[in-house]
Amino acid sequence: FGVPVVLNSTLVDGSLRESAVKNETKILLYEAGEALRFDEFSIRAGMKGILNVLQYLGMTRKVVRSKKKLVPFIANGSQWVRANASGIVHNIVNLGDQITKGQVLAEIGSPYGAIYDSVKATRSGILIGKQNIPLVQDGEAMFHVAYFSEDDEEIAEHIENVQEQLLPENDDS
């Protein structure tokens, strides 16, 4: 497909993937970006991935690319870190960041500046998803962390390199 991280996840009851498995239908599910937003990196990676699959299946003409083939890191698992209070969110980490167990990922506070609580990582890994809505309710999913057997620092650098390849250059002149 050509994305930096692949997550093998378990089946969820009532999901499209569960139905596909029951019907012995092969399926590739691409999930990327943020809820309620379009982001250019995820869209470009998805479009490139779709074209890669179509070319592999012989459904489109093969386009010669000079770039090296991207080998994804396979995540062993993932977990959502949830809000431990309700309030206004101040995110500290970004998608693709390497995080460590106990690291503060966000602070939840009041409109007047008081900090109610900090949201901390429960395990080390790479941040592959996050909500960016400025308000959160206690118990809501905030950060999606993937866990690997490989070195997290190497994976974070790998994701950053892919982002640089897929996003257009900013010309500030």
Protein backbone atom coordinates (compact mmCIF):
# COMPACT_ATOMS: atom_id res chain seq x y z
CA PHE A 1 0.00 0.00 0.00
CA GLY A 2 2.89 2.35 0.78
CA VAL A 3 2.18 3.83 4.21
CA PRO A 4 4.74 4.12 7.04
CA VAL A 5 2.80 2.09 9.63
CA VAL A 6 0.51 -0.93 9.31
CA LEU A 7 -1.61 -2.00 12.26
CA ASN A 8 -2.90 -5.56 12.46
CA SER A 9 -5.98 -5.13 14.60
CA THR A 10 -8.53 -7.51 16.04
CA LEU A 11 -12.02 -7.79 14.60
CA VAL A 12 -14.76 -5.63 16.09
CA ASP A 13 -18.22 -7.19 16.38
CA GLY A 14 -20.59 -5.81 13.74
CA SER A 15 -17.82 -4.13 11.72
CA LEU A 16 -17.27 -4.23 7.95
CA ARG A 17 -14.04 -6.19 8.53
CA GLU A 18 -15.86 -8.83 10.57
CA SER A 19 -18.47 -9.24 7.83
CA ALA A 20 -15.74 -9.52 5.18
CA VAL A 21 -13.92 -12.23 7.15
CA LYS A 22 -17.16 -14.19 7.62
CA ASN A 23 -17.74 -14.03 3.85
CA GLU A 24 -14.10 -14.91 3.06
CA THR A 25 -13.66 -11.57 1.29
CA LYS A 26 -10.27 -9.90 1.32
CA ILE A 27 -10.36 -6.33 2.54
CA LEU A 28 -7.87 -3.55 3.10
CA LEU A 29 -9.09 -0.80 5.39
CA TYR A 30 -7.22 2.51 5.29
CA GLU A 31 -7.74 4.71 8.34
CA ALA A 32 -5.76 7.90 8.66
CA GLY A 33 -5.96 11.49 9.72
CA GLU A 34 -8.24 13.10 12.24
CA ALA A 35 -11.93 12.85 12.92
CA LEU A 36 -14.03 15.59 11.30
CA ARG A 37 -11.10 16.97 9.27
CA PHE A 38 -9.28 16.47 6.00
CA ASP A 39 -5.50 16.49 6.23
CA GLU A 40 -3.30 16.63 3.18
CA PHE A 41 -0.73 14.06 4.32
CA SER A 42 -3.34 11.35 4.96
CA ILE A 43 -5.16 12.07 1.70
CA ARG A 44 -1.95 11.96 -0.36
CA ALA A 45 -0.82 8.74 1.35
CA GLY A 46 -4.25 7.15 0.75
CA MET A 47 -4.35 8.16 -2.92
CA LYS A 48 -0.82 6.88 -3.45
CA GLY A 49 -1.76 3.63 -1.69
CA ILE A 50 -4.87 3.11 -3.82
CA LEU A 51 -2.85 3.66 -7.01
CA ASN A 52 -0.18 1.24 -5.76
CA VAL A 53 -2.80 -1.47 -5.16
CA LEU A 54 -4.48 -0.89 -8.55
CA GLN A 55 -1.11 -1.11 -10.30
CA TYR A 56 -0.19 -4.27 -8.39
CA LEU A 57 -3.48 -5.88 -9.45
CA GLY A 58 -2.84 -4.89 -13.08
CA MET A 59 -5.87 -2.60 -13.20
CA THR A 60 -3.88 0.50 -14.20
CA ARG A 61 -0.71 1.14 -16.14
CA LYS A 62 2.47 0.83 -14.16
CA VAL A 63 4.04 4.20 -13.50
CA VAL A 64 7.83 4.20 -13.21
CA ARG A 65 8.87 5.87 -9.98
CA SER A 66 12.42 6.71 -9.07
CA LYS A 67 11.70 6.72 -5.33
CA LYS A 68 12.63 3.70 -3.26
CA LYS A 69 9.87 1.35 -2.17
CA LEU A 70 8.47 2.13 1.27
CA VAL A 71 8.58 -0.79 3.69
CA PRO A 72 6.07 -0.23 6.50
CA PHE A 73 6.60 -0.96 10.16
CA ILE A 74 4.08 -3.48 11.48
CA ALA A 75 2.49 -2.55 14.80
CA ASN A 76 1.95 -5.40 17.25
CA GLY A 77 -0.98 -3.64 18.84
CA SER A 78 -2.47 -0.31 19.77
CA GLN A 79 -4.45 1.35 22.51
CA TRP A 80 -6.48 4.52 22.90
CA VAL A 81 -5.55 6.78 25.81
CA ARG A 82 -8.73 8.31 27.22
CA ALA A 83 -9.53 11.60 28.92
CA ASN A 84 -9.49 11.44 32.71
CA ALA A 85 -11.46 14.69 33.13
CA SER A 86 -13.78 16.98 31.18
CA GLY A 87 -12.66 20.40 29.98
CA ILE A 88 -10.56 22.30 27.45
CA VAL A 89 -7.68 20.34 25.91
CA HIS A 90 -4.14 21.59 25.40
CA ASN A 91 -2.37 18.93 23.29
CA ILE A 92 1.38 18.60 23.81
CA VAL A 93 2.25 15.84 21.31
CA ASN A 94 1.72 15.48 17.56
CA LEU A 95 0.93 12.63 15.19
CA GLY A 96 4.01 10.53 14.48
CA ASP A 97 5.73 11.47 17.75
CA GLN A 98 7.57 8.86 19.77
CA ILE A 99 6.08 8.76 23.25
CA THR A 100 7.19 7.08 26.47
CA LYS A 101 5.19 5.54 29.30
CA GLY A 102 4.17 8.24 31.76
CA GLN A 103 4.79 11.12 29.32
CA VAL A 104 2.23 13.95 29.48
CA LEU A 105 0.29 13.96 26.19
CA ALA A 106 -2.17 16.75 27.00
CA GLU A 107 -3.52 18.88 29.80
CA ILE A 108 -7.22 19.30 30.49
CA GLY A 109 -8.28 22.55 32.08
CA SER A 110 -10.97 25.12 32.70
CA PRO A 111 -11.76 28.18 30.56
CA TYR A 112 -10.08 30.24 33.29
CA GLY A 113 -6.72 28.49 33.02
CA ALA A 114 -6.87 26.04 35.92
CA ILE A 115 -5.46 22.61 35.04
CA TYR A 116 -7.79 19.78 36.10
CA ASP A 117 -5.59 16.88 35.07
CA SER A 118 -2.85 15.67 32.73
CA VAL A 119 -3.37 12.87 30.22
CA LYS A 120 -0.37 10.51 30.36
CA ALA A 121 0.81 7.70 28.10
CA THR A 122 0.12 4.26 29.54
CA ARG A 123 2.77 2.62 27.32
CA SER A 124 5.63 3.65 25.06
CA GLY A 125 5.02 3.74 21.31
CA ILE A 126 4.24 5.98 18.36
CA LEU A 127 1.25 8.34 18.23
CA ILE A 128 -0.83 7.26 15.20
CA GLY A 129 -4.07 9.07 15.98
CA LYS A 130 -5.44 11.88 18.09
CA GLN A 131 -8.53 13.98 18.48
CA ASN A 132 -8.10 17.70 17.93
CA ILE A 133 -11.44 18.95 19.13
CA PRO A 134 -10.67 21.52 21.85
CA LEU A 135 -13.25 20.18 24.31
CA VAL A 136 -13.22 16.70 25.81
CA GLN A 137 -15.49 14.71 28.12
CA ASP A 138 -14.22 12.33 30.78
CA GLY A 139 -13.65 8.91 29.19
CA GLU A 140 -13.43 10.05 25.55
CA ALA A 141 -10.68 8.60 23.34
CA MET A 142 -7.92 11.17 22.84
CA PHE A 143 -4.71 9.49 21.61
CA HIS A 144 -4.17 6.31 19.58
CA VAL A 145 -0.78 4.78 20.38
CA ALA A 146 0.76 1.95 18.32
CA TYR A 147 3.21 -0.51 19.90
CA PHE A 148 6.08 -2.11 18.02
CA SER A 149 8.84 -4.62 18.57
CA GLU A 150 11.22 -2.36 16.59
CA ASP A 151 12.92 0.76 17.98
CA ASP A 152 10.33 3.54 18.44
CA GLU A 153 12.86 6.26 17.58
CA GLU A 154 13.64 4.64 14.22
CA ILE A 155 9.91 4.39 13.45
CA ALA A 156 9.29 8.05 14.36
CA GLU A 157 12.11 9.10 11.98
CA HIS A 158 10.64 6.83 9.29
CA ILE A 159 7.22 8.51 9.63
CA GLU A 160 8.81 11.97 9.49
CA ASN A 161 10.67 11.04 6.27
CA VAL A 162 7.43 9.82 4.66
CA GLN A 163 5.67 13.04 5.67
CA GLU A 164 8.43 15.06 4.01
CA GLN A 165 8.08 12.99 0.81
CA LEU A 166 4.29 13.30 0.60
CA LEU A 167 3.69 16.89 1.64
CA PRO A 168 4.44 19.70 -0.82
CA GLU A 169 7.23 22.14 -0.05
CA ASN A 170 6.11 25.35 1.65
CA ASP A 171 7.35 28.30 -0.36
CA ASP A 172 7.41 31.25 2.01
CA SER A 173 9.12 33.61 -0.43
